[in-house]
Amino acid sequence: MPRHYRHIISLTIGLLITPALLADSNAERESLARILHELTVIEPLIKKAESQSEKPVRIQFRYDWLRQDLKQIKDGIQLHLDSPRSTPRTYPPLRGDYRR
């Protein structure tokens, strides 16, 4: 098989696969953004539960630890969302002249 046919085939395969990979990446980012939003939404519920807790009990729920853990999870998700996506790959330029 001539070399330029292999280039055309590999470029075509690359162009077909790339949108699917980007779609998966976008779907993942949307899901992570949704998780981040949901973690923010539960903060008032945590505050309400804390205000309703009985203070003089032998074993108390550590709301401060819960908040620290949730903050660490949210920070990790946000860091991932804020990080640049992987650098796009470069492809060799097309020849344009297919005659010998």
N, C-alpha and C. Protein backbone atom coordinates (compact mmCIF):
# COMPACT_ATOMS: atom_id res chain seq x y z
N MET A 1 0.86 -1.17 0.00
CA MET A 1 0.00 0.00 0.00
C MET A 1 0.90 1.24 0.00
N PRO A 2 0.66 2.17 -0.90
CA PRO A 2 1.49 3.38 -0.95
C PRO A 2 1.40 4.15 0.37
N ARG A 3 2.47 4.85 0.64
CA ARG A 3 2.59 5.58 1.91
C ARG A 3 1.51 6.64 2.08
N HIS A 4 1.15 7.35 1.04
CA HIS A 4 0.17 8.42 1.19
C HIS A 4 -1.23 7.86 1.49
N TYR A 5 -1.51 6.64 1.04
CA TYR A 5 -2.78 6.02 1.40
C TYR A 5 -2.82 5.72 2.90
N ARG A 6 -1.70 5.29 3.44
CA ARG A 6 -1.65 5.02 4.88
C ARG A 6 -1.87 6.30 5.67
N HIS A 7 -1.31 7.40 5.19
CA HIS A 7 -1.51 8.69 5.86
C HIS A 7 -2.98 9.11 5.82
N ILE A 8 -3.60 8.92 4.68
CA ILE A 8 -5.01 9.28 4.53
C ILE A 8 -5.87 8.43 5.44
N ILE A 9 -5.59 7.15 5.49
CA ILE A 9 -6.37 6.24 6.34
C ILE A 9 -6.17 6.59 7.81
N SER A 10 -4.92 6.81 8.23
CA SER A 10 -4.68 7.13 9.64
C SER A 10 -5.29 8.48 10.03
N LEU A 11 -5.25 9.44 9.12
CA LEU A 11 -5.86 10.74 9.40
C LEU A 11 -7.38 10.60 9.51
N THR A 12 -7.97 9.82 8.62
CA THR A 12 -9.42 9.61 8.66
C THR A 12 -9.83 8.93 9.96
N ILE A 13 -9.09 7.92 10.36
CA ILE A 13 -9.40 7.23 11.63
C ILE A 13 -9.27 8.20 12.79
N GLY A 14 -8.21 9.01 12.78
CA GLY A 14 -8.02 10.00 13.84
C GLY A 14 -9.15 11.00 13.92
N LEU A 15 -9.62 11.45 12.76
CA LEU A 15 -10.71 12.42 12.73
C LEU A 15 -12.03 11.80 13.19
N LEU A 16 -12.19 10.51 13.00
CA LEU A 16 -13.42 9.84 13.45
C LEU A 16 -13.40 9.58 14.95
N ILE A 17 -12.24 9.29 15.50
CA ILE A 17 -12.13 8.94 16.92
C ILE A 17 -12.11 10.17 17.81
N THR A 18 -11.47 11.24 17.39
CA THR A 18 -11.28 12.43 18.21
C THR A 18 -12.59 13.01 18.74
N PRO A 19 -13.65 13.21 17.92
CA PRO A 19 -14.90 13.76 18.48
C PRO A 19 -15.51 12.88 19.57
N ALA A 20 -15.38 11.56 19.42
CA ALA A 20 -15.92 10.66 20.44
C ALA A 20 -15.16 10.83 21.75
N LEU A 21 -13.85 10.98 21.68
CA LEU A 21 -13.06 11.18 22.90
C LEU A 21 -13.38 12.51 23.56
N LEU A 22 -13.56 13.55 22.76
CA LEU A 22 -13.92 14.86 23.31
C LEU A 22 -15.30 14.82 23.93
N ALA A 23 -16.22 14.09 23.32
CA ALA A 23 -17.58 13.98 23.87
C ALA A 23 -17.53 13.31 25.24
N ASP A 24 -16.72 12.24 25.36
CA ASP A 24 -16.57 11.58 26.66
C ASP A 24 -15.98 12.52 27.68
N SER A 25 -14.98 13.29 27.27
CA SER A 25 -14.34 14.24 28.18
C SER A 25 -15.33 15.32 28.62
N ASN A 26 -16.12 15.82 27.69
CA ASN A 26 -17.12 16.84 28.03
C ASN A 26 -18.18 16.27 28.96
N ALA A 27 -18.61 15.04 28.70
CA ALA A 27 -19.61 14.42 29.56
C ALA A 27 -19.07 14.25 30.98
N GLU A 28 -17.80 13.85 31.07
CA GLU A 28 -17.20 13.69 32.40
C GLU A 28 -17.14 15.03 33.12
N ARG A 29 -16.72 16.08 32.42
CA ARG A 29 -16.62 17.41 33.04
C ARG A 29 -17.99 17.90 33.49
N GLU A 30 -19.03 17.64 32.70
CA GLU A 30 -20.38 18.03 33.09
C GLU A 30 -20.82 17.27 34.34
N SER A 31 -20.50 15.99 34.40
CA SER A 31 -20.87 15.20 35.58
C SER A 31 -20.13 15.69 36.82
N LEU A 32 -18.86 16.00 36.67
CA LEU A 32 -18.09 16.51 37.81
C LEU A 32 -18.62 17.86 38.27
N ALA A 33 -18.99 18.71 37.33
CA ALA A 33 -19.57 20.01 37.68
C ALA A 33 -20.88 19.81 38.43
N ARG A 34 -21.65 18.83 38.04
CA ARG A 34 -22.92 18.53 38.73
C ARG A 34 -22.65 18.04 40.15
N ILE A 35 -21.65 17.18 40.31
CA ILE A 35 -21.29 16.70 41.65
C ILE A 35 -20.86 17.88 42.53
N LEU A 36 -20.06 18.76 41.97
CA LEU A 36 -19.61 19.95 42.70
C LEU A 36 -20.80 20.79 43.14
N HIS A 37 -21.75 20.96 42.26
CA HIS A 37 -22.96 21.72 42.59
C HIS A 37 -23.74 21.03 43.71
N GLU A 38 -23.91 19.73 43.61
CA GLU A 38 -24.67 18.99 44.63
C GLU A 38 -23.99 19.07 45.99
N LEU A 39 -22.66 19.04 46.01
CA LEU A 39 -21.95 19.16 47.29
C LEU A 39 -22.16 20.54 47.90
N THR A 40 -22.28 21.55 47.07
CA THR A 40 -22.55 22.89 47.56
C THR A 40 -23.97 23.00 48.10
N VAL A 41 -24.89 22.32 47.44
CA VAL A 41 -26.30 22.38 47.85
C VAL A 41 -26.53 21.77 49.23
N ILE A 42 -25.73 20.77 49.61
CA ILE A 42 -25.97 20.13 50.90
C ILE A 42 -25.41 20.91 52.09
N GLU A 43 -24.65 21.96 51.85
CA GLU A 43 -24.08 22.73 52.95
C GLU A 43 -25.15 23.28 53.90
N PRO A 44 -26.27 23.86 53.40
CA PRO A 44 -27.31 24.30 54.34
C PRO A 44 -27.93 23.15 55.15
N LEU A 45 -27.99 21.96 54.56
CA LEU A 45 -28.52 20.80 55.29
C LEU A 45 -27.59 20.42 56.44
N ILE A 46 -26.31 20.52 56.20
CA ILE A 46 -25.33 20.22 57.25
C ILE A 46 -25.46 21.24 58.38
N LYS A 47 -25.59 22.51 58.02
CA LYS A 47 -25.74 23.56 59.02
C LYS A 47 -27.00 23.34 59.85
N LYS A 48 -28.10 22.96 59.19
CA LYS A 48 -29.36 22.72 59.90
C LYS A 48 -29.23 21.53 60.84
N ALA A 49 -28.61 20.45 60.36
CA ALA A 49 -28.44 19.27 61.22
C ALA A 49 -27.58 19.61 62.43
N GLU A 50 -26.55 20.40 62.21
CA GLU A 50 -25.68 20.79 63.33
C GLU A 50 -26.44 21.61 64.36
N SER A 51 -27.29 22.51 63.90
CA SER A 51 -28.05 23.34 64.84
C SER A 51 -29.09 22.53 65.61
N GLN A 52 -29.50 21.41 65.07
CA GLN A 52 -30.51 20.57 65.73
C GLN A 52 -29.89 19.49 66.61
N SER A 53 -28.56 19.37 66.59
CA SER A 53 -27.93 18.31 67.37
C SER A 53 -27.95 18.65 68.86
N GLU A 54 -28.00 17.61 69.65
CA GLU A 54 -27.95 17.80 71.10
C GLU A 54 -26.50 17.99 71.51
N LYS A 55 -26.25 19.01 72.28
CA LYS A 55 -24.87 19.33 72.63
C LYS A 55 -24.29 18.43 73.74
N PRO A 56 -24.96 18.25 74.84
CA PRO A 56 -24.31 17.45 75.89
C PRO A 56 -24.54 15.95 75.70
N VAL A 57 -23.91 15.36 74.67
CA VAL A 57 -23.99 13.91 74.49
C VAL A 57 -22.59 13.34 74.51
N ARG A 58 -22.50 12.06 74.83
CA ARG A 58 -21.20 11.42 74.97
C ARG A 58 -20.47 11.34 73.62
N ILE A 59 -21.17 10.95 72.58
CA ILE A 59 -20.56 10.86 71.26
C ILE A 59 -21.26 11.86 70.35
N GLN A 60 -20.48 12.79 69.84
CA GLN A 60 -21.05 13.82 68.97
C GLN A 60 -20.57 13.61 67.54
N PHE A 61 -21.43 13.97 66.62
CA PHE A 61 -21.06 13.94 65.21
C PHE A 61 -20.14 15.12 64.94
N ARG A 62 -19.03 14.90 64.24
CA ARG A 62 -18.05 15.95 63.99
C ARG A 62 -18.38 16.66 62.67
N TYR A 63 -19.19 17.68 62.77
CA TYR A 63 -19.58 18.46 61.58
C TYR A 63 -18.38 19.19 60.99
N ASP A 64 -17.44 19.59 61.85
CA ASP A 64 -16.25 20.26 61.33
C ASP A 64 -15.42 19.32 60.45
N TRP A 65 -15.33 18.06 60.84
CA TRP A 65 -14.61 17.09 60.02
C TRP A 65 -15.34 16.84 58.70
N LEU A 66 -16.66 16.76 58.77
CA LEU A 66 -17.46 16.58 57.56
C LEU A 66 -17.22 17.74 56.59
N ARG A 67 -17.24 18.96 57.13
CA ARG A 67 -17.00 20.13 56.27
C ARG A 67 -15.60 20.11 55.65
N GLN A 68 -14.60 19.72 56.45
CA GLN A 68 -13.22 19.64 55.94
C GLN A 68 -13.11 18.60 54.81
N ASP A 69 -13.73 17.44 55.02
CA ASP A 69 -13.69 16.41 53.98
C ASP A 69 -14.40 16.86 52.71
N LEU A 70 -15.57 17.47 52.87
CA LEU A 70 -16.31 17.95 51.69
C LEU A 70 -15.53 19.04 50.96
N LYS A 71 -14.87 19.91 51.73
CA LYS A 71 -14.06 20.96 51.10
C LYS A 71 -12.91 20.35 50.31
N GLN A 72 -12.29 19.33 50.88
CA GLN A 72 -11.17 18.68 50.19
C GLN A 72 -11.67 18.01 48.90
N ILE A 73 -12.82 17.37 48.93
CA ILE A 73 -13.38 16.75 47.73
C ILE A 73 -13.72 17.81 46.70
N LYS A 74 -14.38 18.89 47.14
CA LYS A 74 -14.75 19.96 46.21
C LYS A 74 -13.52 20.61 45.60
N ASP A 75 -12.49 20.84 46.42
CA ASP A 75 -11.26 21.45 45.90
C ASP A 75 -10.61 20.55 44.85
N GLY A 76 -10.62 19.24 45.08
CA GLY A 76 -10.04 18.30 44.12
C GLY A 76 -10.79 18.30 42.81
N ILE A 77 -12.12 18.31 42.88
CA ILE A 77 -12.93 18.36 41.66
C ILE A 77 -12.70 19.67 40.93
N GLN A 78 -12.70 20.77 41.67
CA GLN A 78 -12.51 22.08 41.04
C GLN A 78 -11.13 22.18 40.39
N LEU A 79 -10.12 21.64 41.04
CA LEU A 79 -8.77 21.65 40.47
C LEU A 79 -8.76 20.90 39.14
N HIS A 80 -9.44 19.76 39.11
CA HIS A 80 -9.50 19.00 37.86
C HIS A 80 -10.25 19.77 36.78
N LEU A 81 -11.36 20.41 37.15
CA LEU A 81 -12.13 21.17 36.17
C LEU A 81 -11.37 22.40 35.67
N ASP A 82 -10.58 23.01 36.53
CA ASP A 82 -9.83 24.21 36.16
C ASP A 82 -8.56 23.90 35.37
N SER A 83 -8.07 22.67 35.47
CA SER A 83 -6.82 22.35 34.79
C SER A 83 -7.06 22.30 33.29
N PRO A 84 -6.05 22.72 32.54
CA PRO A 84 -6.23 22.70 31.08
C PRO A 84 -6.36 21.27 30.58
N ARG A 85 -7.12 21.14 29.54
CA ARG A 85 -7.26 19.82 28.94
C ARG A 85 -5.93 19.45 28.30
N SER A 86 -5.78 18.20 28.01
CA SER A 86 -4.50 17.76 27.44
C SER A 86 -4.20 18.52 26.16
N THR A 87 -2.93 18.68 25.92
CA THR A 87 -2.48 19.42 24.74
C THR A 87 -2.89 18.65 23.49
N PRO A 88 -3.48 19.35 22.53
CA PRO A 88 -3.88 18.64 21.31
C PRO A 88 -2.66 18.10 20.58
N ARG A 89 -2.86 16.96 19.98
CA ARG A 89 -1.77 16.36 19.21
C ARG A 89 -1.61 17.10 17.89
N THR A 90 -0.39 17.13 17.43
CA THR A 90 -0.15 17.73 16.12
C THR A 90 -0.05 16.62 15.09
N TYR A 91 -0.56 16.91 13.94
CA TYR A 91 -0.51 15.97 12.83
C TYR A 91 0.36 16.56 11.74
N PRO A 92 1.02 15.71 10.97
CA PRO A 92 1.82 16.24 9.88
C PRO A 92 0.92 16.93 8.87
N PRO A 93 1.42 17.96 8.22
CA PRO A 93 0.58 18.67 7.25
C PRO A 93 0.21 17.77 6.07
N LEU A 94 -0.94 18.04 5.50
CA LEU A 94 -1.36 17.29 4.32
C LEU A 94 -0.50 17.69 3.14
N ARG A 95 -0.23 16.75 2.28
CA ARG A 95 0.59 17.06 1.13
C ARG A 95 -0.17 17.87 0.11
N GLY A 96 -1.41 17.51 -0.16
CA GLY A 96 -2.21 18.25 -1.13
C GLY A 96 -1.99 17.83 -2.57
N ASP A 97 -0.80 17.32 -2.87
CA ASP A 97 -0.50 16.87 -4.24
C ASP A 97 -0.43 15.35 -4.20
N TYR A 98 -1.38 14.70 -4.84
CA TYR A 98 -1.46 13.25 -4.79
C TYR A 98 -0.98 12.60 -6.07
N ARG A 99 -0.32 13.34 -6.89
CA ARG A 99 0.20 12.80 -8.15
C ARG A 99 1.70 12.60 -8.04
N ARG A 100 2.17 11.62 -8.75
CA ARG A 100 3.61 11.36 -8.78
C ARG A 100 4.23 11.90 -10.01
